[in-house]
Amino acid sequence: MCTDAFDILGLPPAFDLDRSAIERAFLARAVSVHPDLAGGESEAEALSARLNDAKRALLDPETRANVLLARFGGPSAEKVKSLPPTLLMEVMEAREGVDTARTLGDSAELARWQDWAVQGREGIVKSCRQLFARALAAGSSPDAALLREIRVQLNAWRSYERMIEQMDVR
């Protein structure tokens, strides 16, 4: 039984997946669920919807990381809400700085805060890449402390993403 986006698309669980590999896997599976081959239109629609959801999940790196953590049995964002020790204060200061820069119309300062958020996210992605490499090396049962640390990093990723979204930066 297919349990997650990796299984649905027949891809190996990995933090780094090539976009073209995801697209190829999606297309290969999509052909197999065509109504003429899948044994009925309603069944084909349901399978197609699952394929679309899986593709969407794996194409987004943050969502893919959350799917991978869940696959390992790691904690959800609802269970572990922690952030790295200094991040909350840094984000609060950054939001203040952004608000001040907006109020003053200081585009250079806004750009500096945007760079800060993008660099912070890049650092978290790098950290997640390393942590997932350790989890994948551990096989099917990574250490609970490692999985918790991944969750904390993913929570930080979400914090940076929110800030970037609010500043309209990608």
Protein backbone atom coordinates (compact mmCIF):
# COMPACT_ATOMS: atom_id res chain seq x y z
CA MET A 1 0.00 0.00 0.00
CA CYS A 2 1.37 3.42 -0.94
CA THR A 3 1.87 5.45 2.17
CA ASP A 4 3.61 8.66 1.16
CA ALA A 5 4.59 10.76 -1.83
CA PHE A 6 7.84 8.84 -2.35
CA ASP A 7 5.98 5.52 -2.56
CA ILE A 8 3.19 6.95 -4.71
CA LEU A 9 5.69 8.14 -7.31
CA GLY A 10 8.02 5.18 -6.84
CA LEU A 11 10.97 7.37 -5.86
CA PRO A 12 13.59 6.61 -3.22
CA PRO A 13 13.22 8.65 -0.04
CA ALA A 14 15.74 11.47 -0.26
CA PHE A 15 16.09 15.10 0.80
CA ASP A 16 17.61 16.11 -2.52
CA LEU A 17 15.58 15.02 -5.51
CA ASP A 18 16.05 16.28 -9.02
CA ARG A 19 12.97 18.09 -10.35
CA SER A 20 13.20 16.19 -13.64
CA ALA A 21 13.26 12.84 -11.79
CA ILE A 22 10.05 13.82 -9.98
CA GLU A 23 8.44 14.89 -13.26
CA ARG A 24 9.50 11.66 -15.03
CA ALA A 25 8.20 9.50 -12.19
CA PHE A 26 4.92 11.43 -12.20
CA LEU A 27 4.47 11.03 -15.96
CA ALA A 28 5.29 7.32 -15.85
CA ARG A 29 2.72 6.76 -13.11
CA ALA A 30 0.15 9.07 -14.72
CA VAL A 31 0.13 6.97 -17.86
CA SER A 32 -0.70 3.90 -15.78
CA VAL A 33 -3.75 5.55 -14.20
CA HIS A 34 -5.30 6.69 -17.45
CA PRO A 35 -9.03 5.72 -17.41
CA ASP A 36 -8.50 3.30 -20.31
CA LEU A 37 -5.88 1.41 -18.31
CA ALA A 38 -6.92 1.90 -14.68
CA GLY A 39 -10.26 0.14 -14.86
CA GLY A 40 -12.72 2.96 -14.45
CA GLU A 41 -12.99 6.70 -14.51
CA SER A 42 -13.68 7.29 -10.80
CA GLU A 43 -10.79 5.06 -9.74
CA ALA A 44 -8.52 6.75 -12.28
CA GLU A 45 -9.54 10.19 -10.96
CA ALA A 46 -8.71 9.18 -7.39
CA LEU A 47 -5.33 7.76 -8.42
CA SER A 48 -4.62 10.82 -10.52
CA ALA A 49 -5.41 13.11 -7.58
CA ARG A 50 -2.99 11.15 -5.36
CA LEU A 51 -0.30 11.40 -8.03
CA ASN A 52 -0.83 15.16 -8.36
CA ASP A 53 -0.64 15.60 -4.58
CA ALA A 54 2.54 13.50 -4.41
CA LYS A 55 4.17 15.45 -7.23
CA ARG A 56 3.28 18.76 -5.58
CA ALA A 57 4.67 17.57 -2.23
CA LEU A 58 7.98 16.39 -3.65
CA LEU A 59 8.54 19.39 -5.90
CA ASP A 60 8.47 21.71 -2.89
CA PRO A 61 11.70 21.16 -0.89
CA GLU A 62 10.18 22.14 2.46
CA THR A 63 7.16 19.88 2.00
CA ARG A 64 9.42 17.07 0.76
CA ALA A 65 11.50 17.42 3.94
CA ASN A 66 8.35 17.16 6.07
CA VAL A 67 7.22 14.06 4.14
CA LEU A 68 10.65 12.51 4.63
CA LEU A 69 10.63 13.25 8.36
CA ALA A 70 7.15 11.71 8.69
CA ARG A 71 8.38 8.65 6.79
CA PHE A 72 11.08 8.20 9.44
CA GLY A 73 8.46 8.49 12.17
CA GLY A 74 9.72 11.89 13.27
CA PRO A 75 7.60 14.32 15.26
CA SER A 76 5.10 16.60 13.57
CA ALA A 77 5.19 20.39 13.81
CA GLU A 78 2.14 20.13 16.09
CA LYS A 79 4.00 17.90 18.56
CA VAL A 80 7.33 19.75 18.57
CA LYS A 81 7.07 23.51 18.21
CA SER A 82 10.65 24.29 19.26
CA LEU A 83 13.03 26.49 17.32
CA PRO A 84 16.81 26.80 17.52
CA PRO A 85 17.65 28.69 20.75
CA THR A 86 18.26 32.19 19.36
CA LEU A 87 15.99 32.16 16.33
CA LEU A 88 12.82 33.51 17.92
CA MET A 89 14.60 36.61 19.19
CA GLU A 90 16.37 37.07 15.84
CA VAL A 91 13.08 36.83 13.93
CA MET A 92 11.41 39.31 16.29
CA GLU A 93 14.28 41.76 15.77
CA ALA A 94 14.13 41.21 12.02
CA ARG A 95 10.39 41.90 11.93
CA GLU A 96 10.98 45.12 13.86
CA GLY A 97 13.72 46.07 11.42
CA VAL A 98 11.49 45.33 8.44
CA ASP A 99 8.63 47.38 9.91
CA THR A 100 10.98 50.31 10.58
CA ALA A 101 12.48 50.10 7.09
CA ARG A 102 9.01 50.06 5.55
CA THR A 103 7.89 53.02 7.65
CA LEU A 104 10.98 55.00 6.64
CA GLY A 105 10.84 53.85 3.03
CA ASP A 106 14.42 52.58 3.38
CA SER A 107 14.73 50.16 0.47
CA ALA A 108 18.40 49.40 1.22
CA GLU A 109 17.52 48.32 4.77
CA LEU A 110 14.60 46.24 3.48
CA ALA A 111 16.96 44.55 1.04
CA ARG A 112 19.36 43.83 3.91
CA TRP A 113 16.59 42.12 5.89
CA GLN A 114 15.50 40.20 2.83
CA ASP A 115 19.06 38.97 2.37
CA TRP A 116 19.19 38.02 6.05
CA ALA A 117 16.04 35.88 5.71
CA VAL A 118 17.15 34.21 2.48
CA GLN A 119 20.59 33.43 3.92
CA GLY A 120 18.99 32.10 7.09
CA ARG A 121 16.78 29.80 5.05
CA GLU A 122 19.78 28.63 3.03
CA GLY A 123 21.62 27.80 6.25
CA ILE A 124 18.65 25.79 7.50
CA VAL A 125 18.40 23.92 4.18
CA LYS A 126 22.10 23.04 4.46
CA SER A 127 21.60 21.85 8.03
CA CYS A 128 18.57 19.76 7.01
CA ARG A 129 20.55 18.21 4.16
CA GLN A 130 23.24 17.10 6.62
CA LEU A 131 20.76 15.84 9.23
CA PHE A 132 18.76 13.89 6.66
CA ALA A 133 21.98 12.35 5.33
CA ARG A 134 22.64 11.07 8.86
CA ALA A 135 19.06 9.80 9.17
CA LEU A 136 19.20 8.03 5.81
CA ALA A 137 22.55 6.47 6.76
CA ALA A 138 20.92 5.11 9.94
CA GLY A 139 18.44 3.12 7.83
CA SER A 140 14.88 2.54 8.89
CA SER A 141 15.28 3.59 12.52
CA PRO A 142 17.15 6.86 13.03
CA ASP A 143 17.70 8.08 16.57
CA ALA A 144 14.74 9.96 18.10
CA ALA A 145 17.01 12.87 19.09
CA LEU A 146 18.13 13.22 15.46
CA LEU A 147 14.52 13.22 14.26
CA ARG A 148 13.65 15.86 16.85
CA GLU A 149 16.56 18.02 15.70
CA ILE A 150 15.32 17.72 12.11
CA ARG A 151 11.87 18.88 13.27
CA VAL A 152 13.40 21.88 15.05
CA GLN A 153 15.26 22.79 11.86
CA LEU A 154 12.09 22.38 9.78
CA ASN A 155 10.27 24.68 12.21
CA ALA A 156 13.04 27.23 11.68
CA TRP A 157 12.71 26.77 7.91
CA ARG A 158 8.99 27.57 8.20
CA SER A 159 9.81 30.71 10.23
CA TYR A 160 12.18 31.97 7.56
CA GLU A 161 9.69 31.08 4.82
CA ARG A 162 6.96 33.09 6.56
CA MET A 163 9.24 36.07 6.80
CA ILE A 164 10.28 35.78 3.15
CA GLU A 165 6.65 35.43 2.07
CA GLN A 166 5.74 38.56 4.02
CA MET A 167 8.54 40.47 2.30
CA ASP A 168 7.56 39.08 -1.12
CA VAL A 169 11.03 37.62 -1.75
CA ARG A 170 11.99 34.31 -3.31
